Amino acid sequence: MKRGMAPKWLTFYAVAYMVFLYAPVVLLPMFAFNDATIIAFPLSGFTTDWFKVLWSTDALHSAVGNSALVAIVTALVSTFLGACAARASARYKFPAQKGITGFIMLPLVLPEIIVAVSLIVMLMQLGMSLSLWTVVAGHVLICTPFSIAILSSAFAGLDQSLEEASFDLGESRWGTFRRVTLPLVMPGVISSLLICFTISLDEFIIAFFLTGTDATLPVYIWSQLRFPTKLPSVMALGTILLALSIGLLVLAEWFRRRAARRQGLGASSSEGLL
């Protein structure tokens, strides 16, 4: 009897958890298309005016440009650093390897507010002014561990005999990496770029502490929450960001699974990275 009840309770728990987690996400587009300025039920009607408001807001356009710049640079730098670390961890053995790897992955478990306060104190001591580049530095710090986690699977599943065959045929190390290694791990690289871009685009705490006069998109959204009449347009903007984030994450997962299949590992071998 008890053995038969367990799956039902697990199913109930899973459904309740998913409802609690995603109910606010479902409400976001509902209020974005509501023509009332008050965020409450019942809904008064359907409209797309709040989306039209976004096209005429210059401050929003500036924030989107700032966030895009920060996210693109963060994705490129984090993926480069993650590829170097993943390659070294998979290809070579060196003293204190596990300890060094664990230290690099530490930002995954540290509270972001602690990281942000530490960074701003360090920057103030160095006499550096806050700007978008300080935000990039903070985002690289928290995105690099995600890149390493994704690329470690790609490099670990790489058949080293293919590289050795390239060396035997007279190819240089750089040529081997460019012609053999990089094409095999490219789906993982693209997945890392998409994940890091999404994390940087949505990140608020570090951007709030480290940004200067040029606000990023999450900081801009936070500033608009103080004005009740701005809430519907914020809901519309949140709906667009939600759709963009889901699309990027699905695309990144597709590339990750493609990399696993290409290397003969199967999707299950890299399960849980994302």
Protein backbone atom coordinates (compact mmCIF):
# COMPACT_ATOMS: atom_id res chain seq x y z
CA MET A 1 0.00 0.00 0.00
CA LYS A 2 2.75 2.40 0.98
CA ARG A 3 4.76 1.53 -2.07
CA GLY A 4 1.75 2.35 -4.25
CA MET A 5 1.15 5.74 -2.58
CA ALA A 6 4.66 7.10 -3.13
CA PRO A 7 4.30 7.93 -6.84
CA LYS A 8 1.03 9.81 -6.20
CA TRP A 9 2.62 11.99 -3.53
CA LEU A 10 5.63 12.60 -5.74
CA THR A 11 3.36 13.58 -8.61
CA PHE A 12 1.37 15.92 -6.37
CA TYR A 13 4.57 17.49 -5.06
CA ALA A 14 5.97 17.96 -8.56
CA VAL A 15 2.75 19.55 -9.85
CA ALA A 16 2.44 21.84 -6.81
CA TYR A 17 6.06 22.88 -7.16
CA MET A 18 5.71 23.67 -10.86
CA VAL A 19 2.52 25.68 -10.24
CA PHE A 20 4.17 27.67 -7.45
CA LEU A 21 7.26 28.29 -9.59
CA TYR A 22 5.63 29.22 -12.89
CA ALA A 23 2.31 30.80 -11.90
CA PRO A 24 3.88 34.30 -11.72
CA VAL A 25 5.42 33.73 -15.14
CA VAL A 26 2.00 32.92 -16.59
CA LEU A 27 0.51 36.05 -15.03
CA LEU A 28 3.16 38.27 -16.63
CA PRO A 29 1.86 38.15 -20.23
CA MET A 30 -1.73 38.21 -19.01
CA PHE A 31 -1.31 41.64 -17.43
CA ALA A 32 0.92 42.80 -20.30
CA PHE A 33 -2.07 42.55 -22.65
CA ASN A 34 -4.56 44.02 -20.15
CA ASP A 35 -5.68 47.57 -20.98
CA ALA A 36 -5.94 48.68 -17.34
CA THR A 37 -3.10 50.40 -15.45
CA ILE A 38 -4.02 48.53 -12.26
CA ILE A 39 -2.42 45.09 -11.90
CA ALA A 40 -5.39 43.17 -10.53
CA PHE A 41 -8.21 40.83 -11.46
CA PRO A 42 -10.63 40.86 -13.18
CA LEU A 43 -8.98 41.80 -16.47
CA SER A 44 -10.70 44.72 -18.18
CA GLY A 45 -9.81 44.10 -21.82
CA PHE A 46 -7.21 43.24 -24.42
CA THR A 47 -4.67 45.74 -25.77
CA THR A 48 -1.19 45.95 -27.27
CA ASP A 49 -0.67 49.61 -26.36
CA TRP A 50 1.86 48.80 -23.63
CA PHE A 51 4.12 47.19 -26.20
CA LYS A 52 3.83 50.27 -28.41
CA VAL A 53 4.95 52.46 -25.49
CA LEU A 54 8.25 50.58 -25.42
CA TRP A 55 9.14 51.81 -28.92
CA SER A 56 8.89 55.47 -27.89
CA THR A 57 10.92 55.31 -24.65
CA ASP A 58 14.46 56.57 -25.28
CA ALA A 59 15.74 55.59 -21.81
CA LEU A 60 14.63 52.02 -22.45
CA HIS A 61 16.44 51.93 -25.80
CA SER A 62 19.63 53.13 -24.12
CA ALA A 63 19.30 50.49 -21.39
CA VAL A 64 18.74 47.76 -23.98
CA GLY A 65 21.86 48.86 -25.86
CA ASN A 66 23.91 48.85 -22.65
CA SER A 67 22.69 45.40 -21.65
CA ALA A 68 23.33 44.03 -25.14
CA LEU A 69 26.90 45.35 -25.08
CA VAL A 70 27.55 43.95 -21.61
CA ALA A 71 25.97 40.59 -22.43
CA ILE A 72 27.86 40.13 -25.72
CA VAL A 73 31.25 41.02 -24.24
CA THR A 74 30.56 38.88 -21.16
CA ALA A 75 29.56 35.89 -23.29
CA LEU A 76 32.67 36.13 -25.45
CA VAL A 77 35.14 36.60 -22.58
CA SER A 78 33.48 34.01 -20.31
CA THR A 79 33.38 31.41 -23.07
CA PHE A 80 37.03 32.03 -23.94
CA LEU A 81 38.10 31.67 -20.30
CA GLY A 82 35.80 28.68 -19.84
CA ALA A 83 37.22 26.97 -22.93
CA CYS A 84 40.78 27.46 -21.69
CA ALA A 85 39.93 26.09 -18.23
CA ALA A 86 37.87 23.16 -19.57
CA ARG A 87 40.58 22.28 -22.09
CA ALA A 88 43.30 22.34 -19.43
CA SER A 89 41.22 20.29 -17.00
CA ALA A 90 40.33 17.64 -19.58
CA ARG A 91 43.69 17.40 -21.35
CA TYR A 92 46.30 17.83 -18.61
CA LYS A 93 46.93 16.76 -15.03
CA PHE A 94 48.57 19.20 -12.63
CA PRO A 95 49.02 19.57 -8.85
CA ALA A 96 45.95 20.61 -6.86
CA GLN A 97 43.81 20.30 -9.99
CA LYS A 98 40.56 19.57 -8.16
CA GLY A 99 41.16 22.32 -5.63
CA ILE A 100 41.89 24.90 -8.31
CA THR A 101 38.82 23.83 -10.31
CA GLY A 102 36.65 24.03 -7.20
CA PHE A 103 38.00 27.50 -6.43
CA ILE A 104 37.16 28.68 -9.96
CA MET A 105 33.62 27.28 -9.63
CA LEU A 106 33.09 28.98 -6.26
CA PRO A 107 31.00 31.90 -7.64
CA LEU A 108 28.26 29.35 -8.39
CA VAL A 109 27.53 28.93 -4.67
CA LEU A 110 28.43 32.38 -3.34
CA PRO A 111 25.52 34.82 -2.84
CA GLU A 112 25.64 37.42 -5.59
CA ILE A 113 25.24 40.29 -3.15
CA ILE A 114 28.43 39.19 -1.39
CA VAL A 115 30.25 39.08 -4.71
CA ALA A 116 28.88 42.49 -5.68
CA VAL A 117 29.84 44.17 -2.39
CA SER A 118 33.31 42.63 -2.54
CA LEU A 119 33.83 43.84 -6.08
CA ILE A 120 32.69 47.40 -5.40
CA VAL A 121 34.94 47.61 -2.32
CA MET A 122 37.89 46.37 -4.37
CA LEU A 123 37.18 48.80 -7.21
CA MET A 124 36.91 51.71 -4.78
CA GLN A 125 40.23 50.77 -3.21
CA LEU A 126 41.83 50.68 -6.66
CA GLY A 127 40.36 54.08 -7.50
CA MET A 128 38.42 52.82 -10.51
CA SER A 129 35.22 54.52 -11.59
CA LEU A 130 32.05 52.52 -12.11
CA SER A 131 30.99 51.93 -15.71
CA LEU A 132 29.65 49.27 -18.02
CA TRP A 133 33.10 47.67 -18.07
CA THR A 134 33.03 47.09 -14.33
CA VAL A 135 29.66 45.39 -14.86
CA VAL A 136 31.28 43.24 -17.55
CA ALA A 137 34.04 42.24 -15.10
CA GLY A 138 31.48 41.21 -12.49
CA HIS A 139 29.39 39.28 -15.00
CA VAL A 140 32.45 37.46 -16.34
CA LEU A 141 33.21 36.37 -12.79
CA ILE A 142 29.81 34.70 -12.33
CA CYS A 143 29.38 33.44 -15.92
CA THR A 144 32.75 31.73 -16.33
CA PRO A 145 31.83 28.80 -14.01
CA PHE A 146 28.72 28.14 -16.11
CA SER A 147 30.86 28.13 -19.24
CA ILE A 148 33.32 25.71 -17.65
CA ALA A 149 30.50 23.37 -16.62
CA ILE A 150 29.16 23.28 -20.19
CA LEU A 151 32.50 23.03 -22.00
CA SER A 152 33.99 20.46 -19.62
CA SER A 153 31.53 17.90 -20.97
CA ALA A 154 32.44 18.80 -24.56
CA PHE A 155 36.20 18.56 -24.02
CA ALA A 156 35.98 15.46 -21.81
CA GLY A 157 34.16 13.54 -24.53
CA LEU A 158 36.65 14.54 -27.22
CA ASP A 159 38.59 11.63 -28.72
CA GLN A 160 42.26 12.56 -28.25
CA SER A 161 43.32 10.11 -30.96
CA LEU A 162 41.91 12.54 -33.53
CA GLU A 163 44.29 15.24 -32.34
CA GLU A 164 47.20 12.80 -32.26
CA ALA A 165 46.41 11.78 -35.83
CA SER A 166 46.49 15.45 -36.84
CA PHE A 167 49.91 15.87 -35.20
CA ASP A 168 51.20 12.77 -36.99
CA LEU A 169 50.12 14.27 -40.30
CA GLY A 170 52.28 17.33 -39.64
CA GLU A 171 49.65 19.80 -38.43
CA SER A 172 50.67 22.35 -35.77
CA ARG A 173 48.97 22.66 -32.38
CA TRP A 174 47.06 25.75 -33.43
CA GLY A 175 46.09 24.17 -36.73
CA THR A 176 44.90 21.04 -34.94
CA PHE A 177 42.81 23.06 -32.54
CA ARG A 178 41.31 25.16 -35.35
CA ARG A 179 40.64 22.34 -37.81
CA VAL A 180 39.91 19.36 -35.52
CA THR A 181 39.18 20.29 -31.91
CA LEU A 182 37.14 23.46 -32.37
CA PRO A 183 34.64 22.03 -34.89
CA LEU A 184 33.95 19.08 -32.57
CA VAL A 185 33.30 21.26 -29.51
CA MET A 186 31.59 24.08 -31.44
CA PRO A 187 28.04 23.11 -30.33
CA GLY A 188 29.25 23.34 -26.72
CA VAL A 189 30.87 26.71 -27.44
CA ILE A 190 27.63 28.05 -28.93
CA SER A 191 25.68 26.69 -25.97
CA SER A 192 28.09 28.44 -23.59
CA LEU A 193 27.75 31.72 -25.48
CA LEU A 194 23.95 31.57 -25.31
CA ILE A 195 23.85 30.65 -21.62
CA CYS A 196 26.35 33.36 -20.62
CA PHE A 197 24.50 35.92 -22.75
CA THR A 198 21.19 35.06 -21.07
CA ILE A 199 22.65 35.14 -17.55
CA SER A 200 24.32 38.50 -18.14
CA LEU A 201 21.22 39.98 -19.77
CA ASP A 202 19.00 39.04 -16.81
CA GLU A 203 21.47 39.71 -13.97
CA PHE A 204 20.49 42.55 -11.61
CA ILE A 205 22.39 42.55 -8.31
CA ILE A 206 25.93 42.91 -9.64
CA ALA A 207 24.78 45.39 -12.30
CA PHE A 208 22.99 47.45 -9.63
CA PHE A 209 26.15 47.74 -7.52
CA LEU A 210 28.72 48.16 -10.30
CA THR A 211 26.93 50.24 -12.93
CA GLY A 212 27.69 53.93 -13.26
CA THR A 213 25.54 56.47 -15.06
CA ASP A 214 24.67 54.03 -17.86
CA ALA A 215 21.99 51.71 -16.52
CA THR A 216 21.51 48.20 -17.80
CA LEU A 217 18.05 46.83 -18.62
CA PRO A 218 17.37 45.09 -15.25
CA VAL A 219 18.40 48.27 -13.39
CA TYR A 220 16.12 50.32 -15.64
CA ILE A 221 13.20 47.97 -14.95
CA TRP A 222 13.81 48.24 -11.20
CA SER A 223 13.75 52.05 -11.44
CA GLN A 224 10.38 51.96 -13.21
CA LEU A 225 8.72 49.87 -10.49
CA ARG A 226 8.47 52.99 -8.31
CA PHE A 227 5.83 54.44 -10.64
CA PRO A 228 2.48 52.57 -10.65
CA THR A 229 1.52 53.88 -14.09
CA LYS A 230 4.67 52.32 -15.56
CA LEU A 231 3.87 48.81 -14.36
CA PRO A 232 1.91 47.67 -17.48
CA SER A 233 4.76 48.66 -19.79
CA VAL A 234 7.19 46.89 -17.46
CA MET A 235 4.98 43.80 -17.73
CA ALA A 236 5.14 44.07 -21.52
CA LEU A 237 8.91 44.39 -21.41
CA GLY A 238 9.12 41.43 -19.04
CA THR A 239 7.05 39.34 -21.45
CA ILE A 240 9.49 40.08 -24.27
CA LEU A 241 12.48 39.25 -22.06
CA LEU A 242 10.79 36.04 -20.90
CA ALA A 243 10.22 34.88 -24.46
CA LEU A 244 13.80 35.80 -25.41
CA SER A 245 15.30 34.01 -22.40
CA ILE A 246 13.28 30.83 -22.97
CA GLY A 247 14.22 30.83 -26.65
CA LEU A 248 17.93 31.23 -25.91
CA LEU A 249 17.90 28.55 -23.23
CA VAL A 250 16.10 26.07 -25.48
CA LEU A 251 18.57 26.81 -28.27
CA ALA A 252 21.52 26.39 -25.90
CA GLU A 253 20.17 23.06 -24.65
CA TRP A 254 19.72 21.88 -28.23
CA PHE A 255 23.35 22.69 -29.03
CA ARG A 256 24.51 20.96 -25.84
CA ARG A 257 22.63 17.76 -26.68
CA ARG A 258 23.88 17.93 -30.24
CA ALA A 259 27.46 18.11 -28.98
CA ALA A 260 26.85 15.09 -26.74
CA ARG A 261 25.39 13.07 -29.62
CA ARG A 262 28.21 14.10 -31.95
CA GLN A 263 30.76 12.74 -29.47
CA GLY A 264 28.75 9.55 -28.89
CA LEU A 265 27.99 10.33 -25.25
CA GLY A 266 24.23 10.61 -25.44
CA ALA A 267 22.23 13.34 -23.78
CA SER A 268 22.07 11.50 -20.47
CA SER A 269 25.82 11.71 -19.87
CA SER A 270 25.68 15.47 -19.55
CA GLU A 271 22.33 15.61 -17.79
CA GLY A 272 22.08 18.13 -14.99
CA LEU A 273 24.57 20.72 -16.26
CA LEU A 274 21.78 23.14 -16.97
